[in-house]
C-alpha atoms as a PDB file:
ATOM      1  CA  MET A   1     -24.515 -31.338   2.597  1.00  0.00           C
ATOM      2  CA  LYS A   2     -23.334 -27.877   2.866  1.00  0.00           C
ATOM      3  CA  THR A   3     -25.378 -25.461   4.382  1.00  0.00           C
ATOM      4  CA  ARG A   4     -26.413 -22.320   2.364  1.00  0.00           C
ATOM      5  CA  ARG A   5     -23.968 -19.680   3.911  1.00  0.00           C
ATOM      6  CA  ALA A   6     -21.175 -22.829   2.318  1.00  0.00           C
ATOM      7  CA  LYS A   7     -22.230 -22.674  -0.902  1.00  0.00           C
ATOM      8  CA  ILE A   8     -22.620 -19.565  -0.981  1.00  0.00           C
ATOM      9  CA  ALA A   9     -18.668 -19.010   0.061  1.00  0.00           C
ATOM     10  CA  GLU A  10     -17.773 -22.022  -1.557  1.00  0.00           C
ATOM     11  CA  ILE A  11     -18.940 -19.813  -5.230  1.00  0.00           C
ATOM     12  CA  ILE A  12     -17.076 -16.680  -3.976  1.00  0.00           C
ATOM     13  CA  ALA A  13     -14.191 -18.936  -2.755  1.00  0.00           C
ATOM     14  CA  ALA A  14     -13.683 -19.262  -6.641  1.00  0.00           C
ATOM     15  CA  MET A  15     -14.258 -16.051  -8.580  1.00  0.00           C
ATOM     16  CA  PRO A  16     -15.568 -12.707  -7.518  1.00  0.00           C
ATOM     17  CA  SER A  17     -19.257 -12.476  -8.043  1.00  0.00           C
ATOM     18  CA  THR A  18     -22.110 -10.147  -7.758  1.00  0.00           C
ATOM     19  CA  PRO A  19     -25.241 -11.044  -6.009  1.00  0.00           C
ATOM     20  CA  SER A  20     -27.492 -11.425  -8.560  1.00  0.00           C
ATOM     21  CA  GLU A  21     -24.864 -13.778  -9.640  1.00  0.00           C
ATOM     22  CA  ILE A  22     -25.190 -15.971  -6.829  1.00  0.00           C
ATOM     23  CA  ALA A  23     -28.663 -15.735  -6.321  1.00  0.00           C
ATOM     24  CA  ARG A  24     -29.639 -17.587 -10.164  1.00  0.00           C
ATOM     25  CA  THR A  25     -27.005 -19.634  -9.021  1.00  0.00           C
ATOM     26  CA  LEU A  26     -28.104 -21.406  -6.264  1.00  0.00           C
ATOM     27  CA  ASP A  27     -32.261 -19.761  -7.150  1.00  0.00           C
ATOM     28  CA  LEU A  28     -32.227 -17.796  -4.395  1.00  0.00           C
ATOM     29  CA  SER A  29     -33.687 -14.295  -3.820  1.00  0.00           C
ATOM     30  CA  VAL A  30     -30.558 -12.000  -4.032  1.00  0.00           C
ATOM     31  CA  LYS A  31     -32.116 -10.422  -0.177  1.00  0.00           C
ATOM     32  CA  VAL A  32     -31.358 -13.590   1.151  1.00  0.00           C
ATOM     33  CA  VAL A  33     -28.003 -13.709  -0.960  1.00  0.00           C
ATOM     34  CA  ILE A  34     -27.368 -10.456   0.875  1.00  0.00           C
ATOM     35  CA  GLU A  35     -28.333 -11.471   3.863  1.00  0.00           C
ATOM     36  CA  ASP A  36     -25.715 -14.451   4.237  1.00  0.00           C
ATOM     37  CA  LEU A  37     -22.820 -12.304   2.369  1.00  0.00           C
ATOM     38  CA  LYS A  38     -23.563 -10.196   5.580  1.00  0.00           C
ATOM     39  CA  HIS A  39     -23.148 -13.236   7.472  1.00  0.00           C
ATOM     40  CA  ILE A  40     -20.389 -14.372   5.879  1.00  0.00           C
ATOM     41  CA  SER A  41     -17.887 -11.326   6.862  1.00  0.00           C
ATOM     42  CA  ARG A  42     -18.349 -11.549  10.470  1.00  0.00           C
ATOM     43  CA  SER A  43     -17.816 -15.389  10.677  1.00  0.00           C
ATOM     44  CA  LYS A  44     -13.887 -16.089  10.748  1.00  0.00           C
ATOM     45  CA  LYS A  45     -15.447 -19.711   9.313  1.00  0.00           C
ATOM     46  CA  TYR A  46     -15.114 -19.001   6.162  1.00  0.00           C
ATOM     47  CA  GLY A  47     -11.825 -16.103   5.280  1.00  0.00           C
ATOM     48  CA  LYS A  48     -12.158 -12.656   4.458  1.00  0.00           C
ATOM     49  CA  LEU A  49     -14.570 -10.974   2.434  1.00  0.00           C
ATOM     50  CA  VAL A  50     -13.464  -8.477   0.162  1.00  0.00           C
ATOM     51  CA  VAL A  51     -15.726  -6.389  -2.070  1.00  0.00           C
ATOM     52  CA  GLN A  52     -15.445  -5.125  -5.298  1.00  0.00           C
ATOM     53  CA  PRO A  53     -17.710  -1.771  -4.715  1.00  0.00           C
ATOM     54  CA  ALA A  54     -20.904  -0.774  -6.987  1.00  0.00           C
ATOM     55  CA  ARG A  55     -20.795   1.963  -9.566  1.00  0.00           C
ATOM     56  CA  CYS A  56     -22.663   3.932 -12.482  1.00  0.00           C
ATOM     57  CA  LEU A  57     -22.692   2.594 -15.657  1.00  0.00           C
ATOM     58  CA  LYS A  58     -24.042   6.016 -16.640  1.00  0.00           C
ATOM     59  CA  CYS A  59     -21.563   8.260 -14.919  1.00  0.00           C
ATOM     60  CA  GLY A  60     -18.908   6.206 -13.441  1.00  0.00           C
ATOM     61  CA  TYR A  61     -20.004   6.906  -9.765  1.00  0.00           C
ATOM     62  CA  THR A  62     -18.054   4.571  -7.173  1.00  0.00           C
ATOM     63  CA  PHE A  63     -20.153   3.291  -4.236  1.00  0.00           C
ATOM     64  CA  LYS A  64     -19.380   2.627  -0.750  1.00  0.00           C
ATOM     65  CA  ALA A  65     -17.725  -0.763  -0.400  1.00  0.00           C
ATOM     66  CA  GLU A  66     -20.569  -2.002   1.323  1.00  0.00           C
ATOM     67  CA  ILE A  67     -22.863  -4.916   1.240  1.00  0.00           C
ATOM     68  CA  LYS A  68     -25.843  -4.394  -0.561  1.00  0.00           C
ATOM     69  CA  VAL A  69     -27.487  -3.970  -4.267  1.00  0.00           C
ATOM     70  CA  PRO A  70     -27.782  -0.136  -4.793  1.00  0.00           C
ATOM     71  CA  LYS A  71     -30.628   1.497  -6.343  1.00  0.00           C
ATOM     72  CA  LYS A  72     -30.555   4.634  -7.835  1.00  0.00           C
ATOM     73  CA  CYS A  73     -26.594   6.751  -8.360  1.00  0.00           C
ATOM     74  CA  PRO A  74     -26.682   9.742  -5.964  1.00  0.00           C
ATOM     75  CA  SER A  75     -25.038  11.998  -8.310  1.00  0.00           C
ATOM     76  CA  CYS A  76     -26.633  11.354 -12.047  1.00  0.00           C
ATOM     77  CA  ARG A  77     -30.336   9.800 -10.668  1.00  0.00           C
ATOM     78  CA  SER A  78     -29.803   6.423 -13.041  1.00  0.00           C
ATOM     79  CA  THR A  79     -30.806   3.079 -12.633  1.00  0.00           C
ATOM     80  CA  TRP A  80     -27.650   1.733 -14.111  1.00  0.00           C
ATOM     81  CA  ILE A  81     -25.517   0.372 -11.770  1.00  0.00           C
ATOM     82  CA  GLU A  82     -23.469  -2.473 -12.029  1.00  0.00           C
ATOM     83  CA  GLU A  83     -23.337  -4.577  -9.064  1.00  0.00           C
ATOM     84  CA  PRO A  84     -20.863  -5.058  -6.258  1.00  0.00           C
ATOM     85  CA  ARG A  85     -19.090  -8.468  -6.469  1.00  0.00           C
ATOM     86  CA  PHE A  86     -17.544 -10.393  -3.559  1.00  0.00           C
ATOM     87  CA  LEU A  87     -14.679 -12.475  -3.214  1.00  0.00           C
ATOM     88  CA  LEU A  88     -14.045 -14.906  -0.115  1.00  0.00           C
ATOM     89  CA  ILE A  89      -9.723 -14.949   0.769  1.00  0.00           C
ATOM     90  CA  PRO A  90      -9.296 -17.898   2.694  1.00  0.00           C
ATOM     91  CA  LEU A  91      -7.614 -16.823   6.531  1.00  0.00           C
END
C-alpha cells in the first residue's frame, strides 16, 4: 500500500499536473495536496520537483514559481488564473 505522498509523487512523475487535478484524482482537498507537494519538494527520496509557474489568463502575467495557488493577479486583479503545474524528475 502506497502513502498519500507516494501516490502524488507517482502522478506528477508521469505527467505535469495542477493541484486541482491531483486533488480530484485522489479525492483530497487542494490544501492537503499543496502541503504534500511542499514536503515532496524538500525530500530527496522522490526526486526533484519542477514548478511551471501560474499565470493570468487575462493579461498574461507570470507568477513566481512557487508551491501555492494564487487567488488574484497583481497586475489586472483578475481571478482567471491558470494553476501552477508540478513535475517530478527522478534523481
